[in-house]
Every structure is written in structure tokens, then in C-alpha cells.
N, C-alpha and C. Protein backbone atom coordinates (compact mmCIF):
# COMPACT_ATOMS: atom_id res chain seq x y z
N MET A 1 -92.80 206.05 76.00
CA MET A 1 -92.12 205.80 74.75
C MET A 1 -92.68 206.77 73.71
N SER A 2 -91.80 207.35 72.92
CA SER A 2 -92.24 208.32 71.92
C SER A 2 -92.95 207.61 70.77
N ASP A 3 -93.75 208.38 70.05
CA ASP A 3 -94.48 207.83 68.89
C ASP A 3 -93.51 207.33 67.83
N GLN A 4 -92.42 208.06 67.67
CA GLN A 4 -91.43 207.68 66.65
C GLN A 4 -90.81 206.32 66.99
N LEU A 5 -90.44 206.13 68.23
CA LEU A 5 -89.85 204.86 68.67
C LEU A 5 -90.88 203.73 68.55
N ALA A 6 -92.12 204.02 68.91
CA ALA A 6 -93.18 203.01 68.80
C ALA A 6 -93.37 202.59 67.34
N ASN A 7 -93.33 203.55 66.41
CA ASN A 7 -93.45 203.24 64.98
C ASN A 7 -92.29 202.37 64.50
N ILE A 8 -91.09 202.69 64.95
CA ILE A 8 -89.91 201.91 64.55
C ILE A 8 -90.04 200.47 65.05
N MET A 9 -90.45 200.32 66.31
CA MET A 9 -90.59 198.97 66.88
C MET A 9 -91.69 198.19 66.15
N LYS A 10 -92.78 198.88 65.80
CA LYS A 10 -93.87 198.22 65.10
C LYS A 10 -93.40 197.75 63.71
N ARG A 11 -92.64 198.59 63.01
CA ARG A 11 -92.12 198.22 61.70
C ARG A 11 -91.19 197.01 61.81
N GLN A 12 -90.34 196.99 62.83
CA GLN A 12 -89.43 195.87 63.02
C GLN A 12 -90.20 194.58 63.28
N GLN A 13 -91.24 194.65 64.11
CA GLN A 13 -92.06 193.47 64.38
C GLN A 13 -92.73 192.98 63.10
N ASN A 14 -93.23 193.91 62.29
CA ASN A 14 -93.85 193.52 61.02
C ASN A 14 -92.84 192.87 60.08
N GLN A 15 -91.61 193.38 60.06
CA GLN A 15 -90.57 192.79 59.22
C GLN A 15 -90.25 191.38 59.68
N VAL A 16 -90.17 191.18 60.98
CA VAL A 16 -89.89 189.85 61.51
C VAL A 16 -91.03 188.90 61.14
N LYS A 17 -92.28 189.32 61.32
CA LYS A 17 -93.43 188.49 60.95
C LYS A 17 -93.41 188.17 59.46
N SER A 18 -93.13 189.20 58.66
CA SER A 18 -93.07 189.02 57.20
C SER A 18 -91.97 188.02 56.83
N SER A 19 -90.83 188.14 57.49
CA SER A 19 -89.71 187.24 57.23
C SER A 19 -90.07 185.81 57.60
N LEU A 20 -90.74 185.62 58.74
CA LEU A 20 -91.15 184.30 59.17
C LEU A 20 -92.17 183.70 58.19
N LEU A 21 -93.12 184.51 57.74
CA LEU A 21 -94.09 184.03 56.76
C LEU A 21 -93.41 183.65 55.47
N HIS A 22 -92.43 184.45 55.05
CA HIS A 22 -91.68 184.16 53.82
C HIS A 22 -90.93 182.83 53.95
N ASP A 23 -90.31 182.60 55.12
CA ASP A 23 -89.59 181.34 55.36
C ASP A 23 -90.55 180.15 55.32
N GLU A 24 -91.75 180.33 55.91
CA GLU A 24 -92.74 179.25 55.89
C GLU A 24 -93.15 178.93 54.46
N LYS A 25 -93.37 179.98 53.65
CA LYS A 25 -93.75 179.77 52.26
C LYS A 25 -92.63 179.07 51.50
N LYS A 26 -91.38 179.43 51.81
CA LYS A 26 -90.23 178.79 51.18
C LYS A 26 -90.23 177.30 51.47
N GLU A 27 -90.49 176.94 52.73
CA GLU A 27 -90.51 175.54 53.13
C GLU A 27 -91.65 174.79 52.45
N GLU A 28 -92.72 175.49 52.12
CA GLU A 28 -93.88 174.86 51.51
C GLU A 28 -93.81 174.91 49.98
N GLU A 29 -92.65 175.24 49.43
CA GLU A 29 -92.51 175.32 47.99
C GLU A 29 -92.74 173.94 47.37
N ILE A 30 -93.64 173.90 46.40
CA ILE A 30 -94.02 172.64 45.75
C ILE A 30 -93.26 172.49 44.44
N ILE A 31 -92.71 171.31 44.24
CA ILE A 31 -92.02 170.97 43.00
C ILE A 31 -92.93 170.02 42.22
N GLN A 32 -93.18 170.35 40.95
CA GLN A 32 -94.03 169.50 40.12
C GLN A 32 -93.16 168.68 39.18
N LEU A 33 -93.38 167.38 39.21
CA LEU A 33 -92.56 166.44 38.45
C LEU A 33 -93.45 165.49 37.65
N VAL A 34 -92.84 164.84 36.68
CA VAL A 34 -93.51 163.75 35.98
C VAL A 34 -92.72 162.49 36.26
N GLY A 35 -93.39 161.47 36.76
CA GLY A 35 -92.74 160.21 37.11
C GLY A 35 -92.81 159.21 35.97
N PHE A 36 -91.77 158.39 35.88
CA PHE A 36 -91.73 157.34 34.87
C PHE A 36 -90.83 156.21 35.36
N THR A 37 -91.01 155.04 34.76
CA THR A 37 -90.18 153.91 35.17
C THR A 37 -89.22 153.53 34.05
N VAL A 38 -88.06 153.07 34.50
CA VAL A 38 -87.05 152.47 33.63
C VAL A 38 -86.58 151.26 34.43
N GLY A 39 -86.86 150.08 33.91
CA GLY A 39 -86.58 148.87 34.69
C GLY A 39 -87.52 148.83 35.88
N ASP A 40 -86.98 148.51 37.03
CA ASP A 40 -87.79 148.42 38.24
C ASP A 40 -87.81 149.70 39.06
N GLU A 41 -87.13 150.72 38.58
CA GLU A 41 -87.00 151.96 39.35
C GLU A 41 -87.89 153.07 38.80
N GLU A 42 -88.33 153.95 39.71
CA GLU A 42 -89.11 155.11 39.29
C GLU A 42 -88.23 156.36 39.35
N TYR A 43 -88.31 157.14 38.30
CA TYR A 43 -87.55 158.38 38.17
C TYR A 43 -88.53 159.51 37.91
N ALA A 44 -88.03 160.74 38.00
CA ALA A 44 -88.86 161.89 37.69
C ALA A 44 -88.00 163.03 37.18
N VAL A 45 -88.62 163.90 36.39
CA VAL A 45 -88.00 165.14 35.93
C VAL A 45 -89.02 166.25 36.14
N PRO A 46 -88.55 167.49 36.28
CA PRO A 46 -89.48 168.61 36.45
C PRO A 46 -90.44 168.70 35.25
N ILE A 47 -91.69 168.94 35.54
CA ILE A 47 -92.71 168.96 34.51
C ILE A 47 -92.44 170.04 33.45
N LEU A 48 -91.85 171.15 33.86
CA LEU A 48 -91.60 172.25 32.92
C LEU A 48 -90.49 171.93 31.92
N SER A 49 -89.71 170.88 32.16
CA SER A 49 -88.65 170.52 31.23
C SER A 49 -89.15 169.57 30.13
N ILE A 50 -90.38 169.11 30.26
CA ILE A 50 -90.92 168.17 29.28
C ILE A 50 -91.60 168.91 28.15
N GLN A 51 -91.10 168.66 26.95
CA GLN A 51 -91.72 169.26 25.77
C GLN A 51 -92.98 168.48 25.41
N GLU A 52 -92.86 167.16 25.38
CA GLU A 52 -94.02 166.31 25.15
C GLU A 52 -93.69 164.85 25.41
N ILE A 53 -94.74 164.06 25.47
CA ILE A 53 -94.61 162.61 25.65
C ILE A 53 -95.38 161.96 24.51
N ILE A 54 -94.70 161.07 23.77
CA ILE A 54 -95.34 160.47 22.59
C ILE A 54 -95.16 158.96 22.61
N LYS A 55 -96.01 158.29 21.84
CA LYS A 55 -95.84 156.86 21.62
C LYS A 55 -94.65 156.67 20.69
N PRO A 56 -93.98 155.52 20.78
CA PRO A 56 -92.80 155.29 19.94
C PRO A 56 -93.11 155.45 18.44
N ILE A 57 -92.17 156.09 17.76
CA ILE A 57 -92.25 156.24 16.31
C ILE A 57 -90.94 155.76 15.71
N ASP A 58 -90.90 155.65 14.38
CA ASP A 58 -89.68 155.19 13.71
C ASP A 58 -88.54 156.17 13.95
N TYR A 59 -87.34 155.60 14.03
CA TYR A 59 -86.14 156.42 14.16
C TYR A 59 -85.10 155.90 13.18
N THR A 60 -84.09 156.72 12.93
CA THR A 60 -83.01 156.36 12.02
C THR A 60 -81.74 156.19 12.84
N ARG A 61 -81.08 155.06 12.67
CA ARG A 61 -79.82 154.77 13.37
C ARG A 61 -78.73 155.69 12.86
N VAL A 62 -77.88 156.16 13.74
CA VAL A 62 -76.74 157.01 13.37
C VAL A 62 -75.47 156.23 13.67
N PRO A 63 -74.60 156.06 12.65
CA PRO A 63 -73.39 155.27 12.88
C PRO A 63 -72.41 155.96 13.83
N LYS A 64 -71.58 155.13 14.46
CA LYS A 64 -70.50 155.57 15.35
C LYS A 64 -70.98 156.41 16.53
N THR A 65 -72.11 156.01 17.10
CA THR A 65 -72.59 156.65 18.33
C THR A 65 -72.62 155.57 19.41
N PRO A 66 -72.60 155.98 20.67
CA PRO A 66 -72.67 154.97 21.74
C PRO A 66 -73.94 154.12 21.62
N LYS A 67 -73.90 152.94 22.23
CA LYS A 67 -75.02 152.00 22.13
C LYS A 67 -76.32 152.57 22.70
N PHE A 68 -76.23 153.47 23.68
CA PHE A 68 -77.46 154.01 24.26
C PHE A 68 -78.13 155.06 23.37
N ILE A 69 -77.43 155.53 22.33
CA ILE A 69 -78.03 156.44 21.35
C ILE A 69 -78.65 155.57 20.27
N LEU A 70 -79.98 155.50 20.25
CA LEU A 70 -80.65 154.65 19.28
C LEU A 70 -80.59 155.26 17.88
N GLY A 71 -80.55 156.57 17.81
CA GLY A 71 -80.54 157.27 16.53
C GLY A 71 -81.22 158.61 16.66
N VAL A 72 -81.91 159.02 15.59
CA VAL A 72 -82.65 160.28 15.59
C VAL A 72 -84.05 160.03 15.04
N PHE A 73 -84.98 160.88 15.45
CA PHE A 73 -86.33 160.80 14.90
C PHE A 73 -86.81 162.19 14.53
N ASN A 74 -87.80 162.23 13.65
CA ASN A 74 -88.33 163.48 13.15
C ASN A 74 -89.62 163.80 13.90
N LEU A 75 -89.62 164.92 14.61
CA LEU A 75 -90.81 165.34 15.34
C LEU A 75 -91.25 166.69 14.78
N ARG A 76 -92.22 166.65 13.89
CA ARG A 76 -92.76 167.85 13.24
C ARG A 76 -91.66 168.72 12.63
N GLY A 77 -90.77 168.07 11.88
CA GLY A 77 -89.72 168.80 11.17
C GLY A 77 -88.44 169.01 11.96
N ASN A 78 -88.42 168.63 13.22
CA ASN A 78 -87.22 168.76 14.04
C ASN A 78 -86.59 167.38 14.22
N VAL A 79 -85.28 167.30 13.94
CA VAL A 79 -84.56 166.05 14.12
C VAL A 79 -84.04 166.02 15.56
N ILE A 80 -84.44 164.97 16.28
CA ILE A 80 -84.15 164.88 17.72
C ILE A 80 -83.44 163.57 18.01
N PRO A 81 -82.33 163.63 18.78
CA PRO A 81 -81.66 162.38 19.16
C PRO A 81 -82.55 161.55 20.09
N LEU A 82 -82.43 160.23 19.96
CA LEU A 82 -83.22 159.31 20.77
C LEU A 82 -82.29 158.47 21.63
N ILE A 83 -82.47 158.55 22.94
CA ILE A 83 -81.60 157.88 23.91
C ILE A 83 -82.41 156.82 24.66
N ASP A 84 -81.89 155.61 24.71
CA ASP A 84 -82.52 154.52 25.45
C ASP A 84 -82.00 154.57 26.89
N LEU A 85 -82.86 154.96 27.82
CA LEU A 85 -82.42 155.08 29.21
C LEU A 85 -82.07 153.73 29.83
N ARG A 86 -82.66 152.65 29.36
CA ARG A 86 -82.27 151.33 29.88
C ARG A 86 -80.80 151.08 29.58
N LYS A 87 -80.40 151.35 28.34
CA LYS A 87 -78.99 151.13 27.96
C LYS A 87 -78.08 152.13 28.67
N LYS A 88 -78.51 153.37 28.78
CA LYS A 88 -77.69 154.39 29.44
C LYS A 88 -77.48 154.04 30.92
N PHE A 89 -78.49 153.45 31.55
CA PHE A 89 -78.41 153.09 32.96
C PHE A 89 -77.91 151.66 33.17
N ASN A 90 -77.45 151.00 32.09
CA ASN A 90 -76.96 149.62 32.15
C ASN A 90 -77.99 148.64 32.71
N ILE A 91 -79.21 148.78 32.20
CA ILE A 91 -80.30 147.86 32.56
C ILE A 91 -80.60 147.02 31.33
N LYS A 92 -80.91 145.75 31.56
CA LYS A 92 -81.21 144.83 30.45
C LYS A 92 -82.32 145.41 29.56
N SER A 93 -82.10 145.34 28.24
CA SER A 93 -83.08 145.86 27.28
C SER A 93 -84.37 145.05 27.34
N GLN A 94 -85.42 145.69 26.84
CA GLN A 94 -86.72 145.03 26.80
C GLN A 94 -87.42 145.48 25.51
N GLU A 95 -88.30 144.63 25.04
CA GLU A 95 -89.06 144.96 23.83
C GLU A 95 -89.99 146.13 24.09
N ILE A 96 -90.22 146.92 23.04
CA ILE A 96 -91.19 148.01 23.13
C ILE A 96 -92.58 147.39 23.27
N ASP A 97 -93.37 147.91 24.23
CA ASP A 97 -94.73 147.41 24.41
C ASP A 97 -95.71 148.58 24.43
N GLU A 98 -96.96 148.31 24.81
CA GLU A 98 -97.98 149.36 24.77
C GLU A 98 -97.75 150.47 25.79
N ASN A 99 -96.90 150.24 26.79
CA ASN A 99 -96.61 151.26 27.81
C ASN A 99 -95.39 152.12 27.46
N THR A 100 -94.55 151.65 26.54
CA THR A 100 -93.32 152.37 26.19
C THR A 100 -93.66 153.74 25.62
N ARG A 101 -92.89 154.73 26.02
CA ARG A 101 -93.08 156.09 25.54
C ARG A 101 -91.74 156.74 25.26
N TYR A 102 -91.78 157.77 24.41
CA TYR A 102 -90.65 158.68 24.23
C TYR A 102 -91.02 159.92 25.01
N ILE A 103 -90.14 160.32 25.90
CA ILE A 103 -90.35 161.55 26.65
C ILE A 103 -89.35 162.56 26.08
N VAL A 104 -89.85 163.63 25.49
CA VAL A 104 -89.02 164.65 24.86
C VAL A 104 -88.76 165.74 25.89
N ILE A 105 -87.48 165.89 26.23
CA ILE A 105 -87.07 166.83 27.27
C ILE A 105 -86.28 167.96 26.64
N LYS A 106 -86.52 169.17 27.14
CA LYS A 106 -85.87 170.36 26.61
C LYS A 106 -85.29 171.19 27.74
N ASP A 107 -84.07 171.69 27.52
CA ASP A 107 -83.43 172.61 28.45
C ASP A 107 -82.73 173.65 27.60
N GLY A 108 -83.34 174.81 27.46
CA GLY A 108 -82.79 175.83 26.56
C GLY A 108 -82.87 175.34 25.13
N GLU A 109 -81.73 175.30 24.45
CA GLU A 109 -81.68 174.83 23.07
C GLU A 109 -81.48 173.32 22.98
N ASN A 110 -81.11 172.68 24.07
CA ASN A 110 -80.87 171.23 24.07
C ASN A 110 -82.18 170.46 24.17
N VAL A 111 -82.37 169.55 23.22
CA VAL A 111 -83.58 168.73 23.18
C VAL A 111 -83.17 167.29 22.87
N ALA A 112 -83.80 166.34 23.54
CA ALA A 112 -83.57 164.93 23.22
C ALA A 112 -84.81 164.14 23.62
N GLY A 113 -84.97 163.00 22.96
CA GLY A 113 -86.03 162.08 23.31
C GLY A 113 -85.43 160.91 24.09
N PHE A 114 -86.15 160.43 25.07
CA PHE A 114 -85.68 159.33 25.89
C PHE A 114 -86.72 158.22 25.89
N VAL A 115 -86.26 156.99 25.66
CA VAL A 115 -87.16 155.85 25.69
C VAL A 115 -87.31 155.44 27.15
N ILE A 116 -88.56 155.43 27.60
CA ILE A 116 -88.87 155.01 28.97
C ILE A 116 -89.86 153.86 28.92
N ASP A 117 -89.92 153.10 30.00
CA ASP A 117 -90.81 151.95 30.03
C ASP A 117 -92.28 152.33 30.20
N LYS A 118 -92.53 153.33 31.08
CA LYS A 118 -93.92 153.68 31.36
C LYS A 118 -93.97 155.02 32.09
N ILE A 119 -94.95 155.84 31.75
CA ILE A 119 -95.24 157.06 32.51
C ILE A 119 -96.03 156.61 33.74
N THR A 120 -95.69 157.13 34.91
CA THR A 120 -96.43 156.72 36.10
C THR A 120 -97.47 157.77 36.48
N GLU A 121 -97.03 159.00 36.81
CA GLU A 121 -97.99 160.00 37.26
C GLU A 121 -97.34 161.37 37.35
N ALA A 122 -98.20 162.38 37.45
CA ALA A 122 -97.73 163.72 37.78
C ALA A 122 -97.55 163.74 39.30
N ILE A 123 -96.43 164.28 39.74
CA ILE A 123 -96.08 164.23 41.16
C ILE A 123 -95.88 165.65 41.68
N ARG A 124 -96.43 165.90 42.84
CA ARG A 124 -96.21 167.18 43.52
C ARG A 124 -95.52 166.87 44.85
N LEU A 125 -94.30 167.37 44.99
CA LEU A 125 -93.55 167.15 46.24
C LEU A 125 -93.22 168.49 46.86
N ASN A 126 -93.31 168.53 48.16
CA ASN A 126 -92.85 169.69 48.90
C ASN A 126 -91.32 169.64 48.88
N LYS A 127 -90.68 170.78 48.76
CA LYS A 127 -89.22 170.80 48.73
C LYS A 127 -88.61 170.10 49.94
N LYS A 128 -89.31 170.12 51.07
CA LYS A 128 -88.83 169.45 52.28
C LYS A 128 -88.78 167.93 52.11
N GLN A 129 -89.54 167.40 51.13
CA GLN A 129 -89.58 165.95 50.91
C GLN A 129 -88.46 165.47 49.98
N ILE A 130 -87.60 166.38 49.56
CA ILE A 130 -86.53 166.01 48.63
C ILE A 130 -85.18 166.10 49.36
N ASP A 131 -84.51 164.96 49.43
CA ASP A 131 -83.19 164.90 50.04
C ASP A 131 -82.13 165.12 48.97
N PRO A 132 -80.97 165.62 49.36
CA PRO A 132 -79.89 165.82 48.38
C PRO A 132 -79.34 164.49 47.86
N THR A 133 -78.52 164.59 46.83
CA THR A 133 -77.86 163.43 46.25
C THR A 133 -77.07 162.69 47.34
N PRO A 134 -77.14 161.37 47.37
CA PRO A 134 -76.36 160.62 48.38
C PRO A 134 -74.87 160.95 48.29
N GLU A 135 -74.22 160.93 49.44
CA GLU A 135 -72.79 161.27 49.53
C GLU A 135 -71.91 160.33 48.72
N THR A 136 -72.40 159.13 48.44
CA THR A 136 -71.59 158.15 47.73
C THR A 136 -71.40 158.51 46.25
N LEU A 137 -72.19 159.44 45.76
CA LEU A 137 -72.09 159.86 44.36
C LEU A 137 -71.34 161.17 44.25
N LYS A 138 -70.55 161.31 43.21
CA LYS A 138 -69.88 162.58 42.96
C LYS A 138 -70.93 163.55 42.44
N LYS A 139 -71.21 164.57 43.21
CA LYS A 139 -72.32 165.46 42.90
C LYS A 139 -72.18 166.16 41.55
N GLU A 140 -70.96 166.56 41.19
CA GLU A 140 -70.80 167.30 39.94
C GLU A 140 -70.99 166.43 38.71
N LYS A 141 -70.80 165.11 38.84
CA LYS A 141 -70.94 164.21 37.69
C LYS A 141 -72.23 163.41 37.74
N SER A 142 -72.96 163.50 38.80
CA SER A 142 -74.17 162.71 38.97
C SER A 142 -75.31 163.27 38.13
N ILE A 143 -76.15 162.39 37.63
CA ILE A 143 -77.35 162.85 36.94
C ILE A 143 -78.53 162.91 37.91
N ILE A 144 -78.26 162.68 39.18
CA ILE A 144 -79.32 162.69 40.19
C ILE A 144 -79.37 164.06 40.87
N GLU A 145 -80.54 164.67 40.78
CA GLU A 145 -80.79 165.97 41.42
C GLU A 145 -81.08 165.78 42.91
N GLY A 146 -81.84 164.74 43.22
CA GLY A 146 -82.21 164.48 44.60
C GLY A 146 -83.08 163.24 44.70
N ILE A 147 -83.44 162.91 45.93
CA ILE A 147 -84.28 161.74 46.19
C ILE A 147 -85.58 162.24 46.84
N GLY A 148 -86.70 162.00 46.13
CA GLY A 148 -87.99 162.41 46.65
C GLY A 148 -88.59 161.33 47.53
N LYS A 149 -89.06 161.76 48.71
CA LYS A 149 -89.66 160.80 49.65
C LYS A 149 -91.17 160.95 49.62
N ARG A 150 -91.84 159.81 49.36
CA ARG A 150 -93.30 159.79 49.38
C ARG A 150 -93.73 158.84 50.48
N GLU A 151 -95.03 158.75 50.71
CA GLU A 151 -95.52 157.92 51.82
C GLU A 151 -94.99 156.50 51.80
N ASN A 152 -95.06 155.84 50.65
CA ASN A 152 -94.67 154.43 50.62
C ASN A 152 -93.58 154.12 49.59
N SER A 153 -92.90 155.14 49.11
CA SER A 153 -91.84 154.89 48.13
C SER A 153 -90.90 156.09 48.04
N ILE A 154 -89.82 155.88 47.32
CA ILE A 154 -88.92 156.99 47.02
C ILE A 154 -88.81 157.09 45.50
N ILE A 155 -88.42 158.26 45.03
CA ILE A 155 -88.31 158.49 43.60
C ILE A 155 -87.01 159.25 43.34
N THR A 156 -86.28 158.82 42.32
CA THR A 156 -85.03 159.47 41.97
C THR A 156 -85.32 160.60 40.99
N ILE A 157 -84.95 161.81 41.38
CA ILE A 157 -85.18 162.99 40.54
C ILE A 157 -83.91 163.25 39.74
N LEU A 158 -84.05 163.29 38.43
CA LEU A 158 -82.90 163.42 37.54
C LEU A 158 -82.63 164.87 37.16
N LYS A 159 -81.34 165.17 36.93
CA LYS A 159 -80.93 166.50 36.47
C LYS A 159 -81.13 166.57 34.96
N VAL A 160 -81.96 167.47 34.52
CA VAL A 160 -82.26 167.60 33.09
C VAL A 160 -81.02 167.98 32.30
N ASP A 161 -80.24 168.94 32.81
CA ASP A 161 -79.05 169.39 32.06
C ASP A 161 -78.03 168.27 31.90
N GLU A 162 -77.92 167.38 32.88
CA GLU A 162 -77.00 166.25 32.77
C GLU A 162 -77.53 165.18 31.81
N LEU A 163 -78.84 164.97 31.83
CA LEU A 163 -79.43 164.01 30.89
C LEU A 163 -79.19 164.46 29.44
N LEU A 164 -79.27 165.76 29.22
CA LEU A 164 -79.14 166.31 27.86
C LEU A 164 -77.70 166.58 27.44
N LYS A 165 -76.77 166.42 28.37
CA LYS A 165 -75.36 166.70 28.05
C LYS A 165 -74.87 165.78 26.94
N ARG A 166 -74.24 166.38 25.95
CA ARG A 166 -73.72 165.62 24.80
C ARG A 166 -72.33 165.10 25.14
N ASP A 167 -72.28 163.95 25.77
CA ASP A 167 -70.99 163.35 26.14
C ASP A 167 -70.64 162.21 25.21
N PHE A 168 -71.01 162.37 23.95
CA PHE A 168 -70.71 161.34 22.96
C PHE A 168 -70.18 161.99 21.71
């Protein structure tokens, strides 16, 4: 075999190895999320979409908005809409307690605060541990990005752009 042919074959083998390593890295891609509860269910959003998490503060009611829009609040000079996820998800309301938080989520220019029952934890999931949205839901209208599988539980991963969509 000529040296030229041997070099070509060696390059092809290296490309195949490189491609296989790239595929393995792709499968090992880690998604970082922040988990929280609303009612009895645990949800999560990508950590990079969270602007901040704060304790509840006063808000101002805005007339003629849906019931799940509590109003707006002032966060360091920025007026931000406040959405009660219990009401949005049709879950019975509950009094604010020491675990209640506002989670401020941002996607581009869209920002909103969401009332959640409790922050649970920072979560790291391998992309392989996330299943697609169940077939029973219309994917284009669903606010569910996917279902994360953990050792002893599952977590619903929400679409940030759908949560922030102004459909009111």
C-alpha cells in the first residue's frame, strides 16, 4: 500500500473516532435546571433563564387581567408582571408562607415573575434522561418542554418562552 493511501486511510479512521467521541459527548450533554413545586408537582426551568429568586414583595393589582395575573411589582425600578402558577395551572390557591418565592424568569426582552410554592434544588440531568412531551399534549401549544427522569421521581420541564407568552 502506498504512503498516500495509508495517510488517507489513517485520516478517515481518525475522523470516524472523532465523530464517535463527538456523539458520545453529545449524549452526555448536561442540562442544568432549577426545580420548584407548585401544588404537589415538581417543575423545572433552565437555570440560565432565571434572572433571580426573591421572597414575596408587595404588588399592585392591574384591572381587567386574567385571574392568574396577580398584578405587577417593582424590582429595582423595573415593573414586572406577577403570575400565580397555581391559578394558571388550575390548582387550588394557598396562602403565602415562608417557603413561597417569586421566581423571575427572562427570555430575551420578556420578563415575568411567577409565584411558586417552594424552590427544591438545582438539578443536573443528562439529556438522555429527558423524554419528549407526551403524545397526548399538542406540542406546539404545550408549556411542557419534556419530562426529566430521576432515580425516584420525575420532573416536568417547562418551556420558558411559553410561560412568558403574553396571551392575555
